[in-house]
């Protein structure tokens, strides 16, 4: 099972640039083309929030047009730039999002059970896992304690050290850690929000954030870090599940020199 993760695409209305600088739509098109060239192809694609920039139905329509070349099943969770009902309507064809309430779900048809969590607080940059949401997660995991599971959520459940992002982090981290500690079948928690790769362990379970196919949050490990981004190399992630082991890779998007051989035709290391 090969899972492709895309996050923080921030698609705006056609012709609009994010922060008057970033052509997120064009950069996502390049990402989609890069994914189409992969061999082997991913079995499914997950999008971990901030799919669009202002939660408008027209933005989701634009996003779907860009994603249309990807024929794999798509599984989405909302980020703080998304809006529940427009997102629910945009991805209704997948039949996994609930008709009302939080955008939680569990998908059972893959070797890894996929659990989507809704962490958003409408109108705010930060997220929350309240008692109701934590109870849903605890109950859902308890239903299948022996099934390896993958959790998708937007806000990472740990402080990252990037001050301005931690100020819009996740409320309820302690409760989430307690739930994780009770459910060792959770193989990995995949997040967005940070626009860069960060790894931590929460409740004994590994957690990863993913780079954006567009702009990246500037790496500044100060409590008073200003809210800034950089045009570092864009990317996505691939998560490979085989023989009971989940291995994650970062895929950089772009045209780089290579690949070049390490050895010559006679099998000698090139020196």
Protein backbone atom coordinates (compact mmCIF):
# COMPACT_ATOMS: atom_id res chain seq x y z
CA UNK A 1 0.00 0.00 0.00
CA UNK A 2 1.49 3.33 -1.09
CA UNK A 3 -0.06 6.54 0.25
CA UNK A 4 0.64 9.97 -1.22
CA UNK A 5 0.17 12.92 1.15
CA UNK A 6 -0.41 16.47 -0.09
CA UNK A 7 -1.09 19.32 2.31
CA UNK A 8 -1.65 23.06 2.53
CA UNK A 9 -2.41 23.70 -1.11
CA UNK A 10 -4.19 27.03 -0.34
CA UNK A 11 -6.03 27.25 -3.64
CA UNK A 12 -7.63 30.63 -4.29
CA UNK A 13 -10.00 31.84 -6.99
CA UNK A 14 -8.55 31.52 -10.51
CA UNK A 15 -5.93 34.18 -11.14
CA UNK A 16 -5.45 35.07 -7.46
CA UNK A 17 -2.07 34.71 -5.76
CA UNK A 18 -1.68 33.75 -2.12
CA UNK A 19 -0.30 36.71 -0.18
CA UNK A 20 -0.03 38.47 -3.57
CA UNK A 21 3.06 36.38 -4.27
CA UNK A 22 2.45 32.60 -4.47
CA UNK A 23 0.75 30.99 -7.47
CA UNK A 24 -0.58 28.06 -5.45
CA UNK A 25 -2.72 26.77 -8.31
CA UNK A 26 0.18 26.52 -10.74
CA UNK A 27 2.41 24.95 -8.11
CA UNK A 28 -0.24 22.32 -7.37
CA UNK A 29 -0.49 21.56 -11.09
CA UNK A 30 3.25 20.85 -11.09
CA UNK A 31 2.79 18.64 -8.02
CA UNK A 32 0.00 16.70 -9.72
CA UNK A 33 2.19 16.15 -12.80
CA UNK A 34 5.01 14.94 -10.55
CA UNK A 35 2.70 12.44 -8.86
CA UNK A 36 1.47 11.20 -12.25
CA UNK A 37 5.08 10.36 -13.18
CA UNK A 38 5.63 8.19 -10.09
CA UNK A 39 6.34 4.50 -10.64
CA UNK A 40 4.89 2.74 -8.78
CA UNK A 41 1.78 4.86 -8.57
CA UNK A 42 0.21 5.62 -5.17
CA UNK A 43 -2.85 3.58 -4.26
CA UNK A 44 -4.56 6.57 -2.67
CA UNK A 45 -3.98 10.25 -1.93
CA UNK A 46 -4.63 12.04 1.35
CA UNK A 47 -4.92 15.82 1.72
CA UNK A 48 -4.33 17.05 5.26
CA UNK A 49 -6.04 20.42 5.31
CA UNK A 50 -5.91 24.00 4.07
CA UNK A 51 -7.01 22.72 0.71
CA UNK A 52 -8.26 26.19 -0.22
CA UNK A 53 -7.53 29.63 1.18
CA UNK A 54 -10.87 31.15 2.18
CA UNK A 55 -13.30 28.20 2.23
CA UNK A 56 -15.29 29.39 -0.80
CA UNK A 57 -17.22 26.88 -2.94
CA UNK A 58 -15.60 28.38 -6.04
CA UNK A 59 -12.15 27.69 -4.59
CA UNK A 60 -13.05 24.03 -4.05
CA UNK A 61 -14.29 23.87 -7.64
CA UNK A 62 -10.96 25.28 -8.81
CA UNK A 63 -9.09 22.77 -6.62
CA UNK A 64 -11.04 19.84 -8.03
CA UNK A 65 -10.20 20.89 -11.56
CA UNK A 66 -6.48 20.88 -10.73
CA UNK A 67 -6.71 17.49 -8.98
CA UNK A 68 -8.80 15.92 -11.76
CA UNK A 69 -5.85 14.15 -13.49
CA UNK A 70 -5.29 12.08 -10.32
CA UNK A 71 -7.46 8.98 -10.58
CA UNK A 72 -6.70 7.53 -7.14
CA UNK A 73 -9.22 7.78 -4.30
CA UNK A 74 -8.84 11.05 -2.38
CA UNK A 75 -9.31 11.36 1.39
CA UNK A 76 -9.41 14.85 2.89
CA UNK A 77 -9.51 16.50 6.31
CA UNK A 78 -10.17 20.21 6.89
CA UNK A 79 -7.65 22.84 7.92
CA UNK A 80 -8.16 26.26 9.41
CA UNK A 81 -8.48 27.84 5.93
CA UNK A 82 -11.24 25.40 4.96
CA UNK A 83 -14.99 25.57 5.62
CA UNK A 84 -16.88 22.41 6.60
CA UNK A 85 -20.03 22.61 4.49
CA UNK A 86 -18.44 23.74 1.19
CA UNK A 87 -15.77 21.07 1.67
CA UNK A 88 -18.39 18.46 2.53
CA UNK A 89 -20.27 19.26 -0.66
CA UNK A 90 -17.13 19.36 -2.81
CA UNK A 91 -16.05 15.86 -1.78
CA UNK A 92 -19.49 14.28 -1.35
CA UNK A 93 -18.84 11.83 -4.20
CA UNK A 94 -16.31 9.99 -2.05
CA UNK A 95 -19.14 8.95 0.33
CA UNK A 96 -16.92 8.89 3.43
CA UNK A 97 -17.60 12.36 4.85
CA UNK A 98 -20.56 12.55 7.26
CA UNK A 99 -23.62 14.52 6.15
CA UNK A 100 -23.59 16.72 9.26
CA UNK A 101 -21.32 17.70 12.12
CA UNK A 102 -17.58 17.25 12.35
CA UNK A 103 -15.77 15.89 9.30
CA UNK A 104 -14.63 12.72 11.06
CA UNK A 105 -14.54 9.33 9.35
CA UNK A 106 -12.98 5.87 9.35
CA UNK A 107 -12.22 4.06 6.08
CA UNK A 108 -11.92 0.29 6.38
CA UNK A 109 -11.16 -0.90 2.85
CA UNK A 110 -7.34 -0.64 2.87
CA UNK A 111 -4.60 -2.65 4.62
CA UNK A 112 -4.24 0.36 6.94
CA UNK A 113 -7.41 1.70 8.55
CA UNK A 114 -7.64 5.42 7.72
CA UNK A 115 -9.14 7.73 10.35
CA UNK A 116 -9.81 11.37 9.52
CA UNK A 117 -10.09 13.97 12.29
CA UNK A 118 -11.66 17.43 12.12
CA UNK A 119 -9.57 19.78 14.29
CA UNK A 120 -10.84 23.15 13.06
CA UNK A 121 -12.43 26.02 14.96
CA UNK A 122 -14.38 28.05 12.38
CA UNK A 123 -12.92 31.52 11.96
CA UNK A 124 -9.73 30.80 13.91
CA UNK A 125 -6.21 29.78 12.91
CA UNK A 126 -5.74 27.34 15.76
CA UNK A 127 -7.45 23.98 16.17
CA UNK A 128 -9.05 21.94 18.90
CA UNK A 129 -9.75 18.38 19.89
CA UNK A 130 -12.55 18.93 22.40
CA UNK A 131 -13.99 16.26 24.69
CA UNK A 132 -16.56 15.25 22.06
CA UNK A 133 -13.95 14.81 19.34
CA UNK A 134 -11.54 12.95 21.60
CA UNK A 135 -14.32 10.63 22.72
CA UNK A 136 -15.17 9.88 19.07
CA UNK A 137 -11.53 9.07 18.34
CA UNK A 138 -11.13 6.89 21.44
CA UNK A 139 -14.33 5.01 20.65
CA UNK A 140 -13.47 4.56 16.97
CA UNK A 141 -10.00 3.20 17.71
CA UNK A 142 -11.40 0.88 20.38
CA UNK A 143 -13.70 -0.72 17.79
CA UNK A 144 -10.72 -2.34 16.03
CA UNK A 145 -7.80 -2.59 18.46
CA UNK A 146 -5.88 -5.07 16.30
CA UNK A 147 -6.13 -3.19 12.99
CA UNK A 148 -3.12 -1.03 12.05
CA UNK A 149 -4.38 2.53 11.72
CA UNK A 150 -3.33 5.83 10.18
CA UNK A 151 -4.71 9.12 11.56
CA UNK A 152 -5.10 12.23 9.39
CA UNK A 153 -5.46 15.66 11.00
CA UNK A 154 -4.45 19.21 10.13
CA UNK A 155 -3.07 20.74 13.32
CA UNK A 156 -0.08 18.85 14.76
CA UNK A 157 -0.65 17.66 18.34
CA UNK A 158 2.68 18.97 19.67
CA UNK A 159 4.47 22.31 20.06
CA UNK A 160 6.81 22.77 17.11
CA UNK A 161 9.05 25.52 18.49
CA UNK A 162 8.06 27.91 15.68
CA UNK A 163 6.49 30.60 17.84
CA UNK A 164 3.85 32.13 15.59
CA UNK A 165 2.59 28.71 14.48
CA UNK A 166 2.43 27.37 18.03
CA UNK A 167 0.19 30.33 18.88
CA UNK A 168 -2.31 28.86 16.41
CA UNK A 169 -1.63 25.27 17.40
CA UNK A 170 -3.91 22.59 18.81
CA UNK A 171 -5.98 22.81 21.98
CA UNK A 172 -6.46 19.39 23.54
CA UNK A 173 -2.98 18.01 22.89
CA UNK A 174 -2.84 16.38 26.33
CA UNK A 175 -6.10 14.52 25.79
CA UNK A 176 -4.95 13.39 22.35
CA UNK A 177 -1.73 12.02 23.85
CA UNK A 178 -3.76 10.06 26.40
CA UNK A 179 -5.88 8.53 23.63
CA UNK A 180 -2.76 7.61 21.65
CA UNK A 181 -1.22 5.91 24.67
CA UNK A 182 -4.28 3.62 24.89
CA UNK A 183 -4.15 2.55 21.22
CA UNK A 184 -0.85 1.03 20.07
CA UNK A 185 -2.38 0.05 16.71
CA UNK A 186 -1.87 3.67 15.53
CA UNK A 187 1.10 3.41 13.17
CA UNK A 188 1.39 7.09 12.30
CA UNK A 189 -0.37 10.45 12.64
CA UNK A 190 -0.13 12.63 9.52
CA UNK A 191 -0.58 16.40 9.79
CA UNK A 192 -0.30 19.60 7.80
CA UNK A 193 -0.41 23.25 8.96
CA UNK A 194 3.37 23.75 9.30
CA UNK A 195 4.30 23.63 5.60
CA UNK A 196 7.48 21.70 6.41
CA UNK A 197 8.63 18.30 7.68
CA UNK A 198 8.63 17.95 11.46
CA UNK A 199 8.68 14.69 13.46
CA UNK A 200 7.62 14.06 17.05
CA UNK A 201 6.18 11.32 19.25
CA UNK A 202 2.87 11.89 21.03
CA UNK A 203 1.52 9.32 23.48
CA UNK A 204 4.14 6.93 22.16
CA UNK A 205 2.97 7.25 18.55
CA UNK A 206 4.95 8.89 15.70
CA UNK A 207 3.61 12.12 14.23
CA UNK A 208 4.73 13.76 10.96
CA UNK A 209 3.98 17.07 9.32
CA UNK A 210 4.29 17.38 5.55
CA UNK A 211 5.75 20.07 3.28
CA UNK A 212 3.48 22.11 1.04
CA UNK A 213 3.61 21.93 -2.76
CA UNK A 214 3.75 25.74 -2.59
CA UNK A 215 5.34 27.94 0.11
CA UNK A 216 6.92 26.74 3.36
CA UNK A 217 6.70 28.30 6.83
CA UNK A 218 10.06 29.89 7.65
CA UNK A 219 12.17 27.85 10.05
CA UNK A 220 12.60 30.17 13.05
CA UNK A 221 12.78 28.46 16.44
CA UNK A 222 12.08 31.53 18.54
CA UNK A 223 9.04 32.03 20.74
CA UNK A 224 8.55 35.43 19.11
CA UNK A 225 9.16 34.18 15.57
CA UNK A 226 7.32 36.46 13.11
CA UNK A 227 4.71 35.04 10.78
CA UNK A 228 6.69 34.51 7.59
CA UNK A 229 7.10 32.03 4.74
CA UNK A 230 9.86 31.11 2.32
CA UNK A 231 9.89 29.75 -1.21
CA UNK A 232 11.91 26.70 -0.21
CA UNK A 233 11.69 23.59 -2.43
CA UNK A 234 8.07 22.40 -2.50
CA UNK A 235 7.17 18.81 -1.82
CA UNK A 236 4.79 16.04 -0.85
CA UNK A 237 5.22 12.75 1.02
CA UNK A 238 4.94 9.06 0.24
CA UNK A 239 4.12 6.54 2.98
CA UNK A 240 4.78 2.89 2.15
CA UNK A 241 3.08 0.13 4.15
CA UNK A 242 4.55 -3.32 3.59
CA UNK A 243 5.13 -6.36 5.79
CA UNK A 244 3.82 -4.56 8.86
CA UNK A 245 6.13 -1.56 8.53
CA UNK A 246 5.28 2.02 7.54
CA UNK A 247 8.14 3.98 5.94
CA UNK A 248 7.81 7.66 4.97
CA UNK A 249 9.63 9.57 2.22
CA UNK A 250 9.74 13.27 1.32
CA UNK A 251 9.47 13.90 -2.43
CA UNK A 252 10.89 17.23 -3.58
CA UNK A 253 9.02 18.84 -6.47
CA UNK A 254 11.15 20.36 -9.20
CA UNK A 255 13.52 19.69 -12.07
CA UNK A 256 16.87 18.76 -10.54
CA UNK A 257 19.97 17.26 -12.23
CA UNK A 258 20.21 13.46 -12.24
CA UNK A 259 19.79 10.67 -11.54
CA UNK A 260 23.47 9.84 -11.95
CA UNK A 261 25.12 6.41 -11.45
CA UNK A 262 27.36 5.62 -8.49
CA UNK A 263 29.13 2.86 -10.47
CA UNK A 264 30.56 2.61 -14.01
CA UNK A 265 29.67 -0.08 -16.56
CA UNK A 266 32.28 -2.43 -15.05
CA UNK A 267 30.75 -2.14 -11.61
CA UNK A 268 33.49 0.09 -10.19
CA UNK A 269 32.70 3.04 -7.93
CA UNK A 270 33.10 6.19 -10.01
CA UNK A 271 36.09 8.17 -8.68
